[in-house]
Structure formats: C-alpha cells, structure tokens
Amino acid sequence: MSPGRISVNVVNLGRVAYRSSLQIQQQYIRQHFDSSSQTPNTVLLCEHDPVYTTGIRRAPYPAEEEQRLKDLGAEFFRTNRGGLITFHGPGQMVCYPILNLGCFKKSVRWYVCELEKTVIKMCGKFGIKASTSPDTGVWVGNNKICAIGIHCGRYITSHGLGLNCNTDMSWFDHIVPCGIVGKGVTSLSQELGRDVTIEEAAPVLLQAFSEQFNCMIIECLCVQKKQTLN
C-alpha cells in the first residue's frame, strides 16, 4: 500500500431485503457525521429480492403503476437517489459505497464518472466492451448492463449501482428502465453466453474499484476472514 492510500472496507450483506439495506446505509452515514466516530469508507455488497425503485429526478411514479408492479410479486420503494425507475432482484449485484468524498475528490460528477469507469474496467476484465452514453450508467451497445443512481449529502455518498450478472431479465419488461425509451438491458451472462454469478463477478468488481479509486480494499466477508486487495 502506497503512503496515504485510502482504505475502503467491503461488507458483504448477502441476500437482504431492500428496506433493510436502506436502514444499514443510514447507520453508516450517521457514523460518518458523528465526530466521535472513526468510520471507515465502506462498500456494501448485496443482492435483493425483486423490488422496483424510483429516484427523485421526475414526478412521483403513479400509484396505479406502483400497484401494477406490486401485483407482479415485487416490492416498490420511492427513494432519494438520482435517476428514474429500475429493478433490483436475484442475480443482480448491488453495490452501495458509503464514502466520504473529502477523502477522494469533492465532486459528485467526478464520483459518478468513476463508478461508470469502474464498471467499464470490470466488464473489460470479462472481455466485454462497455461504454458510457449521455444517459447515466454503463452500456453494451444500446443495452444497459449497470444502472447507477446515487445520493450525496455533505459529501457522504449512498445508494450506488446495480450490475446485472445472471438476473432474470424479464422483470425489466414491465417498466421503461431508467425512463429511457428505445434502449434495452443486458447482463454479464447474456453477453458471455454462460452463467456468471454474483460470486464470480464480485471480486472482479472490487479489483476494478481498487484500481479506479486508487484505494486498498479490505474485504470483511465475515468476522473471522479479512483479506486485502491492492
């Protein structure tokens, strides 16, 4: 580890309810604001049961549409992240960085761009050519492989990204993902023509994150096991 290199803890929450993930994020955010706390920068990794979430970029999603989606067997949440409606569910790796941008660069635009570059770099490690577009997120051609929607208050970040690994893509058929008409969605499995699990993708994403944010990743996969990734 080079002098002054920032450490970022990774906490793998496993399969967790979306409501619980919001509460856990708030716990970490409050610790950052507590002057007596030595809270490390943290990345929360998890997977959710089927849930549709909306952001704050447009007027509230109509109540009848909310009920229609709930009738499919998914939960529905209105959040304070940026962006429009998206889906989280089994087979999608969700990454919630709870970072103090004062440790990196106090720029929300920079931060979102770094998240995009992280996912592009990760896709490259799998041999997938991904890119950005005028619309936030990471794309393979005209299909979005990773949605990004963040919140930042007093330079503490929350929410983050959802990367499709071996997600059941039919859940996206019931919405216009991120409000972008005429474009589709894809996954690592779909692009590679084989099953790519979250377990396979997670260490590749963390390696790309470590490189892009120039930080040292400390994986806290369980109480007894920690390993560093330079």
Protein backbone atom coordinates (compact mmCIF):
# COMPACT_ATOMS: atom_id res chain seq x y z
CA MET A 1 0.00 0.00 0.00
CA SER A 2 1.45 3.36 -1.04
CA PRO A 3 1.73 6.15 1.57
CA GLY A 4 -1.59 7.87 2.13
CA ARG A 5 -3.54 5.35 0.11
CA ILE A 6 -7.15 5.23 1.31
CA SER A 7 -8.57 2.04 2.80
CA VAL A 8 -12.12 1.01 1.94
CA ASN A 9 -13.87 -1.74 3.86
CA VAL A 10 -16.17 -4.11 1.98
CA VAL A 11 -19.09 -5.63 3.85
CA ASN A 12 -20.92 -8.42 2.04
CA LEU A 13 -24.52 -8.36 3.26
CA GLY A 14 -25.58 -11.30 1.08
CA ARG A 15 -29.29 -11.53 0.24
CA VAL A 16 -31.02 -8.72 2.13
CA ALA A 17 -34.41 -7.02 1.98
CA TYR A 18 -34.32 -3.63 0.28
CA ARG A 19 -35.79 -1.89 3.34
CA SER A 20 -33.03 -3.37 5.49
CA SER A 21 -30.37 -2.16 3.08
CA LEU A 22 -31.71 1.40 3.40
CA GLN A 23 -31.51 1.16 7.19
CA ILE A 24 -27.96 -0.24 7.07
CA GLN A 25 -26.85 2.55 4.75
CA GLN A 26 -28.28 5.13 7.16
CA GLN A 27 -26.33 3.58 10.03
CA TYR A 28 -23.06 4.03 8.15
CA ILE A 29 -23.99 7.55 7.04
CA ARG A 30 -24.76 8.61 10.63
CA GLN A 31 -21.40 7.28 11.76
CA HIS A 32 -19.68 9.50 9.19
CA PHE A 33 -21.46 12.53 10.67
CA ASP A 34 -20.58 11.53 14.24
CA SER A 35 -17.44 13.47 15.11
CA SER A 36 -16.54 10.91 17.78
CA SER A 37 -16.62 8.03 15.29
CA GLN A 38 -13.68 6.75 13.26
CA THR A 39 -15.90 5.45 10.47
CA PRO A 40 -14.01 3.94 7.54
CA ASN A 41 -15.14 4.38 3.97
CA THR A 42 -17.24 1.33 3.23
CA VAL A 43 -18.72 -0.52 0.27
CA LEU A 44 -21.79 -2.62 0.96
CA LEU A 45 -22.36 -5.52 -1.45
CA CYS A 46 -25.71 -7.27 -1.55
CA GLU A 47 -28.48 -8.89 -3.55
CA HIS A 48 -32.19 -8.12 -3.20
CA ASP A 49 -35.48 -9.91 -3.55
CA PRO A 50 -37.47 -8.49 -6.52
CA VAL A 51 -38.02 -4.76 -5.99
CA TYR A 52 -38.69 -1.75 -8.19
CA THR A 53 -37.29 1.57 -7.01
CA THR A 54 -37.71 5.12 -8.25
CA GLY A 55 -35.48 8.13 -7.83
CA ILE A 56 -36.11 11.85 -7.47
CA ARG A 57 -35.49 13.07 -11.00
CA ARG A 58 -39.14 13.20 -12.07
CA ALA A 59 -42.64 13.50 -10.61
CA PRO A 60 -43.70 10.62 -8.32
CA TYR A 61 -44.48 7.33 -10.05
CA PRO A 62 -48.30 6.98 -10.41
CA ALA A 63 -49.99 4.97 -7.67
CA GLU A 64 -51.71 2.71 -10.18
CA GLU A 65 -48.36 1.83 -11.75
CA GLU A 66 -46.93 1.12 -8.33
CA GLN A 67 -49.76 -1.31 -7.64
CA ARG A 68 -49.34 -2.97 -11.05
CA LEU A 69 -45.71 -3.71 -10.27
CA LYS A 70 -46.52 -4.96 -6.78
CA ASP A 71 -49.05 -7.33 -8.31
CA LEU A 72 -46.15 -8.98 -10.15
CA GLY A 73 -44.74 -10.05 -6.80
CA ALA A 74 -42.17 -7.30 -6.35
CA GLU A 75 -41.80 -4.63 -3.68
CA PHE A 76 -41.84 -0.94 -4.60
CA PHE A 77 -39.86 1.90 -3.00
CA ARG A 78 -39.55 5.62 -3.66
CA THR A 79 -36.01 6.70 -2.79
CA ASN A 80 -33.84 9.81 -2.55
CA ARG A 81 -31.31 8.63 -5.14
CA GLY A 82 -30.92 10.19 -8.55
CA GLY A 83 -32.46 8.63 -11.63
CA LEU A 84 -35.77 7.08 -12.55
CA ILE A 85 -37.30 3.63 -12.10
CA THR A 86 -35.19 0.49 -12.10
CA PHE A 87 -35.30 -3.10 -10.89
CA HIS A 88 -33.20 -4.99 -8.34
CA GLY A 89 -33.50 -8.71 -7.82
CA PRO A 90 -31.81 -12.10 -7.58
CA GLY A 91 -28.76 -12.36 -9.80
CA GLN A 92 -28.05 -8.64 -9.71
CA MET A 93 -25.04 -7.43 -7.72
CA VAL A 94 -25.90 -4.24 -5.85
CA CYS A 95 -23.07 -2.06 -4.61
CA TYR A 96 -23.67 0.73 -2.08
CA PRO A 97 -20.48 2.78 -1.48
CA ILE A 98 -20.77 4.85 1.70
CA LEU A 99 -17.82 7.13 1.07
CA ASN A 100 -16.64 10.49 2.30
CA LEU A 101 -15.74 12.24 -0.95
CA GLY A 102 -13.48 14.51 1.08
CA CYS A 103 -11.09 11.53 1.14
CA PHE A 104 -11.15 11.36 -2.67
CA LYS A 105 -12.47 14.39 -4.57
CA LYS A 106 -15.35 16.64 -3.56
CA SER A 107 -17.22 16.32 -6.83
CA VAL A 108 -20.42 14.36 -7.36
CA ARG A 109 -19.94 14.44 -11.13
CA TRP A 110 -16.42 13.03 -10.72
CA TYR A 111 -17.73 10.31 -8.41
CA VAL A 112 -20.45 9.13 -10.80
CA CYS A 113 -17.92 9.08 -13.65
CA GLU A 114 -15.54 7.00 -11.53
CA LEU A 115 -18.30 4.48 -10.80
CA GLU A 116 -19.01 4.22 -14.52
CA LYS A 117 -15.30 3.77 -15.28
CA THR A 118 -15.07 1.10 -12.57
CA VAL A 119 -17.82 -0.97 -14.18
CA ILE A 120 -16.38 -0.44 -17.67
CA LYS A 121 -13.00 -1.64 -16.41
CA MET A 122 -14.66 -4.64 -14.75
CA CYS A 123 -16.51 -5.55 -17.95
CA GLY A 124 -13.22 -5.31 -19.81
CA LYS A 125 -11.72 -7.90 -17.47
CA PHE A 126 -14.51 -10.22 -18.66
CA GLY A 127 -13.79 -9.38 -22.30
CA ILE A 128 -16.92 -7.25 -22.67
CA LYS A 129 -16.62 -3.87 -24.37
CA ALA A 130 -18.77 -1.49 -22.34
CA SER A 131 -19.10 2.27 -22.51
CA THR A 132 -20.93 5.32 -21.22
CA SER A 133 -23.58 7.31 -23.06
CA PRO A 134 -25.32 10.65 -22.48
CA ASP A 135 -27.55 8.64 -20.11
CA THR A 136 -26.01 7.69 -16.74
CA GLY A 137 -24.98 4.07 -16.38
CA VAL A 138 -22.87 1.56 -18.27
CA TRP A 139 -23.89 0.18 -21.64
CA VAL A 140 -23.03 -2.62 -24.02
CA GLY A 141 -24.19 -1.20 -27.31
CA ASN A 142 -27.74 0.05 -26.75
CA ASN A 143 -28.31 -2.22 -23.76
CA LYS A 144 -27.68 -1.14 -20.17
CA ILE A 145 -25.70 -3.63 -18.11
CA CYS A 146 -25.38 -1.49 -15.00
CA ALA A 147 -27.70 1.18 -13.58
CA ILE A 148 -26.26 3.93 -11.39
CA GLY A 149 -28.21 6.17 -9.04
CA ILE A 150 -26.62 7.88 -6.06
CA HIS A 151 -27.38 10.26 -3.22
CA CYS A 152 -24.79 12.59 -1.75
CA GLY A 153 -25.31 14.73 1.33
CA ARG A 154 -22.45 16.76 2.85
CA TYR A 155 -20.18 14.74 0.54
CA ILE A 156 -21.19 11.39 2.06
CA THR A 157 -22.43 9.05 -0.67
CA SER A 158 -25.14 6.41 -0.54
CA HIS A 159 -27.13 4.21 -2.94
CA GLY A 160 -24.92 3.24 -5.88
CA LEU A 161 -25.09 0.71 -8.70
CA GLY A 162 -26.89 -2.44 -9.79
CA LEU A 163 -24.93 -4.75 -12.10
CA ASN A 164 -26.82 -7.50 -13.90
CA CYS A 165 -24.96 -10.79 -13.51
CA ASN A 166 -27.41 -13.64 -14.06
CA THR A 167 -30.58 -11.65 -13.40
CA ASP A 168 -33.97 -12.77 -14.73
CA MET A 169 -34.22 -10.01 -17.33
CA SER A 170 -37.97 -10.46 -17.81
CA TRP A 171 -38.56 -8.25 -14.74
CA PHE A 172 -37.39 -5.29 -16.83
CA ASP A 173 -40.12 -5.94 -19.41
CA HIS A 174 -42.69 -4.34 -17.10
CA ILE A 175 -41.00 -0.92 -16.92
CA VAL A 176 -39.06 1.53 -19.07
CA PRO A 177 -35.72 1.05 -17.29
CA CYS A 178 -34.39 4.38 -16.05
CA GLY A 179 -37.02 6.08 -18.20
CA ILE A 180 -35.00 5.59 -21.39
CA VAL A 181 -37.22 4.70 -24.33
CA GLY A 182 -35.83 2.64 -27.21
CA LYS A 183 -32.95 1.02 -25.35
CA GLY A 184 -32.73 -2.34 -23.62
CA VAL A 185 -30.96 -4.12 -20.80
CA THR A 186 -28.40 -6.89 -20.70
CA SER A 187 -26.32 -8.90 -18.24
CA LEU A 188 -22.87 -10.43 -17.91
CA SER A 189 -24.41 -13.86 -18.51
CA GLN A 190 -26.25 -12.68 -21.61
CA GLU A 191 -23.16 -11.06 -23.09
CA LEU A 192 -20.86 -14.02 -22.40
CA GLY A 193 -23.35 -16.76 -23.22
CA ARG A 194 -22.75 -18.53 -19.93
CA ASP A 195 -23.88 -18.28 -16.33
CA VAL A 196 -21.97 -15.56 -14.47
CA THR A 197 -22.86 -15.47 -10.79
CA ILE A 198 -22.52 -12.62 -8.32
CA GLU A 199 -19.88 -14.68 -6.52
CA GLU A 200 -17.77 -14.75 -9.69
CA ALA A 201 -18.31 -11.09 -10.54
CA ALA A 202 -17.83 -9.53 -7.09
CA PRO A 203 -14.02 -9.88 -6.76
CA VAL A 204 -13.57 -8.58 -10.31
CA LEU A 205 -15.66 -5.50 -9.50
CA LEU A 206 -13.72 -4.90 -6.28
CA GLN A 207 -10.41 -5.17 -8.13
CA ALA A 208 -11.61 -2.60 -10.67
CA PHE A 209 -12.87 -0.35 -7.86
CA SER A 210 -9.49 -0.57 -6.11
CA GLU A 211 -7.70 0.43 -9.31
CA GLN A 212 -10.09 3.20 -10.33
CA PHE A 213 -10.36 4.85 -6.91
CA ASN A 214 -6.69 4.17 -6.08
CA CYS A 215 -7.62 2.63 -2.74
CA MET A 216 -6.90 -0.52 -0.77
CA ILE A 217 -9.90 -2.83 -0.44
CA ILE A 218 -10.32 -4.67 2.86
CA GLU A 219 -12.87 -7.43 2.42
CA CYS A 220 -14.87 -8.12 5.58
CA LEU A 221 -16.72 -11.16 4.24
CA CYS A 222 -17.20 -12.48 7.75
CA VAL A 223 -15.89 -11.72 11.22
CA GLN A 224 -13.11 -14.27 11.02
CA LYS A 225 -11.97 -13.59 7.46
CA LYS A 226 -10.33 -10.45 6.14
CA GLN A 227 -8.10 -10.09 3.13
CA THR A 228 -6.60 -7.11 1.38
CA LEU A 229 -6.77 -6.41 -2.34
CA ASN A 230 -4.20 -3.97 -3.71
